[in-house]
Amino acid sequence: MTIQTVTDAIRYVGVDDNTLALFENQYPVQPMGVSYNSYVILDEKIAVMDSVDARAEEEWLSNVAQVLEGRNPDYLVVTHMEPDHSGSLMRLAQKYPEMKIVGNAKTFTLIKQFFGTGALSEDRMLEVGERDTLSLGLHRLRFLLAPMVHWPEVMAAYEEEEKILFSADAFGRFGSLERTGRAPWAPQARRYYYNIVGKYGVQVQALLKKISALEIKTICPLHGPVLTEGLEECLRLYDLWSQWEPEESESILIAHASIHGNTAHAAKTLKGKLEKKGAQVTMCDLTVTDLSYAVTSAFYCGKLVLACSTYDGGLFPPMKEFLEHLQTKGFRNRRVGLIENGSWAPAAARLMRTKLEEMKDIHLYETVVSLRGALNQTSEAQMDALVAELCAE
C-alpha cells in the first residue's frame, strides 16, 4: 500500500495483504483482502505506532524507512501484541537498537513469550499505565488501557494535539485499502466486530466510556481505513454492538440447515408467508454460508428462526456449529422461533431449545413447527401460527 498522509506530522505506513485467504485461519477475506495498519508520528521525537504481520514485513520496513528519511525512530508503541500486529516488531527493534519499545506490563510479558526472555534488554522497555503520557514534542500520547478488546494487553493511544485515537483492533474492519478503501465502513466492520471482538462487549463498553470525554477528530485502527468522517455513527454502532442490541429489531433472519432440501423448502415457505405480512426477512443457508457472515446476520436482526433437520439423533452439524458460535460470541436478547424436521424421530427442536436456554435473554416463541419429512397440512398450520407470533410484536 502506498504511504499516506494522515496529517502533516503523521503518516500511514501499513501494508495491504491481498493474498491472504483466511484471517486468523478461519474468516474468509477474499476478494477484499485485509490491511495491517501502522503509523509514524514525526516530531522532535519519532514514534512508530505498531508493526505488521510477518507476511508484510519487508514492505513495511521499506515504508517506515522512506518516511524516516534517514532519521532514527525513538519509540515503537505497541498497542496490541497479536502476531498480525507484532510479527515484525523484532525486525524494527534490531534495525534501530536505540529505539525504545513502549507498552504496558502485559505487553512485555507477551513479548517475552513470543520472542524469548532475552529478546529485549530491560533498558529498552518503556512501561506505561492508565493515562500515562509520552511527549514527542508538539505531539503527546495519552495511553488508555483496554484489556480484552480483544487481548489482555490491548491499549489505545490518544494523540492530544491533533485529537487522534489510535484504537488498536477497535473500529477495524476487513478489507485492504487498495480494494475497499472507499467501501462503506459498517458492513465489514460489523463482521469484524462480532467475530473478533464481539464476545467482549463489557470491555468494549469500558473503553467507550473512557473515550467519551475525548474530542476525537480521527480514528486510526489497526485494520481498515483511517476514519475521519461519520465518527458519531461509528461510535453509535460500537455502543449498540457491544450491548448485543440488534440494529433492526423487527427484522427476521431465517437460518436453515437442510440435508435433502425439505427443511430448506419449509424455510422458504415461511419467508414467503412473512413477507406477505410485510415483514423484513433475510435467509441464510447454513450449509453454504460462511459462519462469520451467518453470525453477523443473527446479531443484526432482532428475530431469528432456526430450521434444522435431525441427524443421527442430534442436530445437523451446520446448525450445531452455528449455535456454538453464537453462544461463544455472547448471543443474547433475541426472539427465536424453531422449525424441526425428522422423518421418524424429530429431536432438533428440543436440542436447539436446550442450547438456546444456555444463552442470556433469549425469548422462544411458543409455536414449534415440526416436520415429518416434508411440509403437510398439520405442519403448515403450525407455521401459520408461528407467523402470527412473529408478526404480533
Protein backbone atom coordinates (compact mmCIF):
# COMPACT_ATOMS: atom_id res chain seq x y z
CA MET A 1 0.00 0.00 0.00
CA THR A 2 1.25 3.47 -0.85
CA ILE A 3 2.34 5.63 2.09
CA GLN A 4 -0.46 8.00 3.01
CA THR A 5 -0.56 11.34 4.81
CA VAL A 6 -2.90 11.29 7.80
CA THR A 7 -1.87 14.80 8.90
CA ASP A 8 1.19 16.96 8.27
CA ALA A 9 3.05 15.10 11.02
CA ILE A 10 1.53 11.62 10.83
CA ARG A 11 1.98 9.06 8.07
CA TYR A 12 0.27 5.78 7.34
CA VAL A 13 2.94 3.14 6.64
CA GLY A 14 0.79 0.00 6.78
CA VAL A 15 0.60 -2.78 4.22
CA ASP A 16 -2.24 -4.40 2.30
CA ASP A 17 -2.46 -8.19 2.11
CA ASN A 18 -4.50 -9.17 -0.92
CA THR A 19 -3.33 -12.80 -0.96
CA LEU A 20 -4.48 -13.95 2.49
CA ALA A 21 -7.37 -16.40 2.18
CA LEU A 22 -8.42 -16.75 5.83
CA PHE A 23 -7.93 -14.14 8.53
CA GLU A 24 -6.95 -15.91 11.77
CA ASN A 25 -7.12 -19.06 9.64
CA GLN A 26 -10.93 -19.04 9.85
CA TYR A 27 -12.54 -15.87 8.41
CA PRO A 28 -12.63 -15.55 4.60
CA VAL A 29 -11.12 -12.30 3.36
CA GLN A 30 -11.20 -12.81 -0.37
CA PRO A 31 -11.60 -10.95 -2.59
CA MET A 32 -11.50 -7.93 -0.26
CA GLY A 33 -8.13 -8.68 1.40
CA VAL A 34 -7.03 -7.13 4.68
CA SER A 35 -4.74 -4.33 5.80
CA TYR A 36 -2.14 -4.35 8.56
CA ASN A 37 -2.03 -0.75 9.73
CA SER A 38 0.94 1.10 11.17
CA TYR A 39 1.63 4.80 11.57
CA VAL A 40 4.59 7.11 12.14
CA ILE A 41 4.37 10.34 14.16
CA LEU A 42 7.10 12.78 13.08
CA ASP A 43 8.07 15.32 15.73
CA GLU A 44 11.14 16.20 17.78
CA LYS A 45 10.98 12.56 18.70
CA ILE A 46 9.56 9.95 16.37
CA ALA A 47 7.08 7.25 17.32
CA VAL A 48 6.17 4.27 15.16
CA MET A 49 2.71 3.04 16.07
CA ASP A 50 2.65 -0.79 15.93
CA SER A 51 4.25 -3.16 13.45
CA VAL A 52 2.63 -5.57 10.98
CA ASP A 53 2.25 -9.26 10.23
CA ALA A 54 5.47 -11.03 9.29
CA ARG A 55 3.89 -11.70 5.87
CA ALA A 56 4.20 -7.96 5.14
CA GLU A 57 7.47 -7.30 6.95
CA GLU A 58 9.73 -6.21 4.09
CA GLU A 59 7.25 -3.77 2.55
CA TRP A 60 6.51 -2.28 5.99
CA LEU A 61 10.20 -1.79 6.82
CA SER A 62 10.65 -0.07 3.47
CA ASN A 63 7.67 2.22 4.13
CA VAL A 64 8.99 3.16 7.56
CA ALA A 65 12.49 3.88 6.23
CA GLN A 66 11.07 6.02 3.44
CA VAL A 67 9.07 8.15 5.88
CA LEU A 68 12.00 8.48 8.32
CA GLU A 69 14.27 9.95 5.61
CA GLY A 70 17.40 8.90 7.43
CA ARG A 71 16.24 9.70 10.95
CA ASN A 72 16.01 7.04 13.64
CA PRO A 73 12.76 6.37 15.48
CA ASP A 74 12.78 6.98 19.22
CA TYR A 75 9.84 4.75 20.09
CA LEU A 76 7.84 1.80 18.84
CA VAL A 77 4.46 1.94 20.55
CA VAL A 78 2.84 -1.49 20.82
CA THR A 79 -0.91 -1.22 21.35
CA HIS A 80 -1.62 -4.87 20.52
CA MET A 81 0.57 -7.97 20.56
CA GLU A 82 -1.42 -10.29 18.31
CA PRO A 83 1.01 -11.60 15.66
CA ASP A 84 -0.67 -9.78 12.77
CA HIS A 85 0.48 -6.59 14.53
CA SER A 86 3.64 -7.69 16.34
CA GLY A 87 5.07 -10.07 13.75
CA SER A 88 7.66 -7.52 12.57
CA LEU A 89 8.35 -5.93 15.96
CA MET A 90 11.75 -7.52 16.48
CA ARG A 91 12.98 -6.69 12.98
CA LEU A 92 12.43 -2.98 13.66
CA ALA A 93 13.94 -3.30 17.14
CA GLN A 94 17.06 -4.92 15.66
CA LYS A 95 17.35 -2.34 12.90
CA TYR A 96 17.18 0.57 15.34
CA PRO A 97 18.93 -0.61 18.53
CA GLU A 98 18.50 2.73 20.33
CA MET A 99 14.72 2.72 19.85
CA LYS A 100 12.63 2.07 22.96
CA ILE A 101 9.60 -0.21 22.95
CA VAL A 102 6.54 1.33 24.63
CA GLY A 103 3.93 -0.96 26.14
CA ASN A 104 2.17 -1.87 29.36
CA ALA A 105 3.15 -4.64 31.78
CA LYS A 106 1.17 -7.28 29.89
CA THR A 107 2.73 -6.16 26.59
CA PHE A 108 6.19 -7.04 27.83
CA THR A 109 5.01 -10.36 29.26
CA LEU A 110 3.76 -11.30 25.80
CA ILE A 111 6.92 -10.03 24.07
CA LYS A 112 8.93 -12.40 26.25
CA GLN A 113 6.53 -15.25 25.48
CA PHE A 114 6.64 -14.70 21.72
CA PHE A 115 10.29 -13.72 21.25
CA GLY A 116 12.12 -15.04 24.30
CA THR A 117 13.03 -13.58 27.66
CA GLY A 118 16.23 -12.03 26.32
CA ALA A 119 14.74 -10.56 23.14
CA LEU A 120 14.77 -7.03 24.56
CA SER A 121 17.01 -5.60 27.22
CA GLU A 122 15.23 -4.06 30.19
CA ASP A 123 16.56 -0.58 29.39
CA ARG A 124 14.71 -0.65 26.05
CA MET A 125 11.31 -1.34 27.65
CA LEU A 126 9.31 1.78 28.49
CA GLU A 127 6.34 0.65 30.55
CA VAL A 128 3.22 2.84 30.62
CA GLY A 129 -0.03 2.57 32.53
CA GLU A 130 -3.51 4.07 32.52
CA ARG A 131 -3.48 7.77 31.48
CA ASP A 132 0.32 7.93 31.36
CA THR A 133 1.64 10.27 28.68
CA LEU A 134 4.55 10.27 26.26
CA SER A 135 5.72 13.60 24.86
CA LEU A 136 7.17 13.66 21.36
CA GLY A 137 7.48 17.46 21.18
CA LEU A 138 4.36 19.17 19.91
CA HIS A 139 2.53 15.84 19.97
CA ARG A 140 1.73 13.95 23.14
CA LEU A 141 0.28 10.46 23.51
CA ARG A 142 -2.02 9.58 26.39
CA PHE A 143 -2.50 5.85 26.98
CA LEU A 144 -5.81 4.20 27.81
CA LEU A 145 -5.72 0.55 28.79
CA ALA A 146 -8.34 -1.57 27.01
CA PRO A 147 -7.85 -5.11 28.32
CA MET A 148 -9.73 -7.84 26.42
CA VAL A 149 -10.57 -5.65 23.45
CA HIS A 150 -9.78 -8.33 22.47
CA TRP A 151 -6.45 -9.39 24.08
CA PRO A 152 -5.36 -8.66 27.68
CA GLU A 153 -2.54 -6.24 26.79
CA VAL A 154 -4.52 -4.02 24.43
CA MET A 155 -4.33 -0.28 24.91
CA ALA A 156 -5.40 2.76 22.92
CA ALA A 157 -3.29 5.87 22.48
CA TYR A 158 -4.84 9.33 22.20
CA GLU A 159 -2.74 11.99 20.48
CA GLU A 160 -3.75 15.17 22.26
CA GLU A 161 -2.58 17.81 19.78
CA GLU A 162 -4.39 16.52 16.69
CA LYS A 163 -7.17 14.66 18.55
CA ILE A 164 -6.35 11.28 17.03
CA LEU A 165 -7.30 7.98 18.64
CA PHE A 166 -5.00 5.07 17.81
CA SER A 167 -7.58 2.43 18.67
CA ALA A 168 -5.77 -0.92 18.24
CA ASP A 169 -8.24 -3.50 16.86
CA ALA A 170 -11.28 -1.46 17.88
CA PHE A 171 -13.05 0.17 14.91
CA GLY A 172 -11.15 -2.05 12.49
CA ARG A 173 -12.66 -3.88 9.56
CA PHE A 174 -11.83 -6.45 6.93
CA GLY A 175 -10.69 -5.24 3.53
CA SER A 176 -7.42 -3.93 2.10
CA LEU A 177 -7.24 -0.20 1.49
CA GLU A 178 -6.43 -0.72 -2.17
CA ARG A 179 -9.52 -2.81 -2.81
CA THR A 180 -12.03 -1.44 -0.30
CA GLY A 181 -10.75 1.97 0.79
CA ARG A 182 -13.89 3.70 -0.49
CA ALA A 183 -16.34 0.99 0.53
CA PRO A 184 -18.82 1.69 3.36
CA TRP A 185 -17.22 1.07 6.74
CA ALA A 186 -20.08 -0.66 8.53
CA PRO A 187 -20.64 -3.99 6.67
CA GLN A 188 -17.15 -5.44 7.12
CA ALA A 189 -16.63 -3.60 10.43
CA ARG A 190 -19.76 -5.34 11.69
CA ARG A 191 -18.48 -8.76 10.61
CA TYR A 192 -15.08 -7.98 12.11
CA TYR A 193 -16.59 -6.82 15.40
CA TYR A 194 -18.95 -9.72 16.01
CA ASN A 195 -16.44 -12.39 15.07
CA ILE A 196 -13.23 -10.93 16.50
CA VAL A 197 -14.24 -8.64 19.36
CA GLY A 198 -17.91 -9.43 19.94
CA LYS A 199 -17.56 -11.68 22.98
CA TYR A 200 -16.05 -8.79 24.93
CA GLY A 201 -18.92 -6.32 24.92
CA VAL A 202 -18.45 -5.37 28.57
CA GLN A 203 -14.82 -4.49 27.93
CA VAL A 204 -15.72 -2.51 24.80
CA GLN A 205 -18.24 -0.56 26.87
CA ALA A 206 -15.46 0.25 29.34
CA LEU A 207 -13.28 1.60 26.51
CA LEU A 208 -16.16 3.64 25.08
CA LYS A 209 -16.69 5.19 28.49
CA LYS A 210 -13.02 6.17 28.66
CA ILE A 211 -13.01 7.86 25.25
CA SER A 212 -16.43 9.51 25.62
CA ALA A 213 -14.87 12.59 27.22
CA LEU A 214 -12.28 12.98 24.47
CA GLU A 215 -12.56 15.19 21.42
CA ILE A 216 -11.80 12.79 18.59
CA LYS A 217 -11.25 14.06 15.06
CA THR A 218 -9.66 10.91 13.62
CA ILE A 219 -9.61 7.21 14.48
CA CYS A 220 -6.59 5.19 13.33
CA PRO A 221 -7.38 1.47 13.74
CA LEU A 222 -5.07 -1.47 13.08
CA HIS A 223 -7.23 -2.79 10.22
CA GLY A 224 -9.20 -0.92 7.60
CA PRO A 225 -9.35 2.76 6.70
CA VAL A 226 -8.42 5.76 8.79
CA LEU A 227 -11.74 7.21 9.96
CA THR A 228 -12.25 10.96 9.65
CA GLU A 229 -15.93 11.19 8.73
CA GLY A 230 -19.03 9.69 10.29
CA LEU A 231 -17.30 9.15 13.62
CA GLU A 232 -20.54 9.64 15.55
CA GLU A 233 -22.12 6.78 13.62
CA CYS A 234 -19.09 4.54 14.17
CA LEU A 235 -19.25 5.22 17.90
CA ARG A 236 -23.03 4.70 17.94
CA LEU A 237 -22.71 1.33 16.26
CA TYR A 238 -19.93 0.22 18.60
CA ASP A 239 -22.12 1.19 21.54
CA LEU A 240 -25.04 -0.78 20.08
CA TRP A 241 -22.98 -3.82 19.13
CA SER A 242 -21.21 -4.00 22.48
CA GLN A 243 -24.57 -4.14 24.24
CA TRP A 244 -25.66 -7.00 21.96
CA GLU A 245 -28.57 -4.92 20.67
CA PRO A 246 -29.97 -5.59 17.17
CA GLU A 247 -29.67 -2.93 14.51
CA GLU A 248 -33.05 -3.89 13.09
CA SER A 249 -35.24 -5.07 15.97
CA GLU A 250 -38.13 -6.22 13.77
CA SER A 251 -36.03 -7.78 11.02
CA ILE A 252 -36.16 -11.59 10.86
CA LEU A 253 -33.33 -13.94 9.95
CA ILE A 254 -34.29 -17.47 8.91
CA ALA A 255 -31.21 -19.69 9.27
CA HIS A 256 -31.70 -23.20 7.93
CA ALA A 257 -29.67 -26.40 7.79
CA SER A 258 -31.26 -28.89 5.41
CA ILE A 259 -29.98 -32.31 4.34
CA HIS A 260 -32.05 -33.07 1.24
CA GLY A 261 -33.96 -29.83 0.73
CA ASN A 262 -37.26 -30.30 2.54
CA THR A 263 -36.23 -28.19 5.55
CA ALA A 264 -34.92 -25.52 3.19
CA HIS A 265 -38.26 -25.59 1.34
CA ALA A 266 -40.07 -25.06 4.64
CA ALA A 267 -37.80 -22.11 5.41
CA LYS A 268 -38.55 -20.56 2.02
CA THR A 269 -42.27 -21.11 2.55
CA LEU A 270 -42.04 -19.34 5.90
CA LYS A 271 -40.20 -16.45 4.26
CA GLY A 272 -42.99 -16.04 1.72
CA LYS A 273 -45.69 -16.06 4.39
CA LEU A 274 -43.83 -13.48 6.48
CA GLU A 275 -43.22 -11.19 3.53
CA LYS A 276 -46.93 -11.25 2.70
CA LYS A 277 -47.44 -9.83 6.20
CA GLY A 278 -44.97 -7.04 5.43
CA ALA A 279 -42.06 -8.44 7.46
CA GLN A 280 -38.43 -7.79 6.52
CA VAL A 281 -36.83 -11.23 6.11
CA THR A 282 -33.32 -12.47 5.34
CA MET A 283 -32.48 -16.09 4.51
CA CYS A 284 -29.26 -17.86 5.43
CA ASP A 285 -28.41 -21.38 4.25
CA LEU A 286 -26.01 -22.62 6.90
CA THR A 287 -24.77 -25.43 4.67
CA VAL A 288 -23.15 -22.98 2.24
CA THR A 289 -22.81 -19.67 4.11
CA ASP A 290 -19.59 -18.99 5.97
CA LEU A 291 -20.25 -18.86 9.70
CA SER A 292 -18.77 -15.38 10.09
CA TYR A 293 -21.49 -13.99 7.83
CA ALA A 294 -24.22 -16.09 9.44
CA VAL A 295 -23.23 -14.98 12.94
CA THR A 296 -23.17 -11.34 11.84
CA SER A 297 -26.66 -11.61 10.34
CA ALA A 298 -28.02 -13.16 13.54
CA PHE A 299 -26.72 -10.25 15.61
CA TYR A 300 -28.02 -7.70 13.09
CA CYS A 301 -31.64 -8.88 13.31
CA GLY A 302 -33.95 -8.75 16.30
CA LYS A 303 -35.71 -12.01 15.48
CA LEU A 304 -34.32 -15.38 14.46
CA VAL A 305 -35.95 -18.54 13.13
CA LEU A 306 -33.88 -21.71 13.18
CA ALA A 307 -34.87 -24.53 10.81
CA CYS A 308 -32.92 -27.75 11.23
CA SER A 309 -33.06 -31.40 10.35
CA THR A 310 -32.45 -34.10 12.92
CA TYR A 311 -29.25 -36.02 12.09
CA ASP A 312 -28.06 -39.18 13.84
CA GLY A 313 -30.38 -38.34 16.69
CA GLY A 314 -28.79 -34.89 17.08
CA LEU A 315 -28.58 -31.59 15.27
CA PHE A 316 -27.44 -31.45 11.67
CA PRO A 317 -23.79 -30.30 12.08
CA PRO A 318 -24.08 -26.91 10.30
CA MET A 319 -26.76 -25.83 12.78
CA LYS A 320 -24.87 -27.25 15.75
CA GLU A 321 -21.76 -25.31 14.78
CA PHE A 322 -23.78 -22.13 14.20
CA LEU A 323 -25.33 -22.29 17.66
CA GLU A 324 -21.96 -22.96 19.27
CA HIS A 325 -20.51 -19.90 17.56
CA LEU A 326 -23.44 -17.74 18.64
CA GLN A 327 -23.01 -18.86 22.23
CA THR A 328 -19.26 -18.21 22.14
CA LYS A 329 -19.85 -14.66 20.86
CA GLY A 330 -22.37 -13.91 23.62
CA PHE A 331 -25.58 -14.06 21.57
CA ARG A 332 -28.47 -12.73 23.66
CA ASN A 333 -31.53 -10.51 23.82
CA ARG A 334 -33.28 -12.04 20.80
CA ARG A 335 -36.63 -13.64 19.99
CA VAL A 336 -36.31 -17.06 18.40
CA GLY A 337 -38.65 -19.44 16.59
CA LEU A 338 -37.96 -23.11 15.84
CA ILE A 339 -38.62 -25.41 12.89
CA GLU A 340 -37.51 -29.02 13.11
CA ASN A 341 -37.55 -31.93 10.69
CA GLY A 342 -37.25 -35.62 11.45
CA SER A 343 -38.77 -38.40 9.39
CA TRP A 344 -39.15 -40.82 12.30
CA ALA A 345 -37.72 -39.25 15.47
CA PRO A 346 -37.54 -35.46 15.31
CA ALA A 347 -35.27 -34.11 18.03
CA ALA A 348 -33.92 -30.87 16.55
CA ALA A 349 -36.35 -28.50 18.29
CA ARG A 350 -35.61 -29.95 21.72
CA LEU A 351 -31.85 -29.81 21.13
CA MET A 352 -31.94 -26.27 19.75
CA ARG A 353 -34.07 -25.14 22.69
CA THR A 354 -31.61 -26.68 25.14
CA LYS A 355 -28.72 -24.82 23.53
CA LEU A 356 -30.60 -21.53 23.36
CA GLU A 357 -31.58 -21.77 27.02
CA GLU A 358 -27.87 -21.66 27.86
CA MET A 359 -27.74 -18.15 26.35
CA LYS A 360 -28.88 -14.93 28.02
CA ASP A 361 -32.22 -13.23 27.48
CA ILE A 362 -33.48 -15.49 24.70
CA HIS A 363 -37.26 -15.48 24.25
CA LEU A 364 -38.56 -18.58 22.47
CA TYR A 365 -41.83 -18.36 20.57
CA GLU A 366 -44.43 -20.82 21.79
CA THR A 367 -45.21 -22.43 18.44
CA VAL A 368 -42.79 -25.06 17.11
CA VAL A 369 -43.11 -26.21 13.52
CA SER A 370 -42.44 -29.96 13.38
CA LEU A 371 -42.00 -31.64 10.00
CA ARG A 372 -42.02 -35.38 9.45
CA GLY A 373 -40.04 -35.36 6.23
CA ALA A 374 -41.88 -32.55 4.44
CA LEU A 375 -44.46 -29.85 4.96
CA ASN A 376 -48.03 -31.09 5.24
CA GLN A 377 -51.35 -29.64 6.35
CA THR A 378 -50.53 -30.05 10.05
CA SER A 379 -47.07 -28.51 9.93
CA GLU A 380 -48.22 -25.69 7.67
CA ALA A 381 -50.89 -24.82 10.24
CA GLN A 382 -48.14 -24.69 12.84
CA MET A 383 -46.18 -22.43 10.52
CA ASP A 384 -49.12 -20.06 10.19
CA ALA A 385 -49.32 -19.88 13.99
CA LEU A 386 -45.58 -19.09 14.16
CA VAL A 387 -46.04 -16.36 11.54
CA ALA A 388 -48.75 -14.82 13.70
CA GLU A 389 -46.41 -14.80 16.70
CA LEU A 390 -43.51 -13.34 14.72
CA CYS A 391 -45.70 -10.54 13.34
CA ALA A 392 -47.64 -9.81 16.52
CA GLU A 393 -44.93 -7.67 18.14
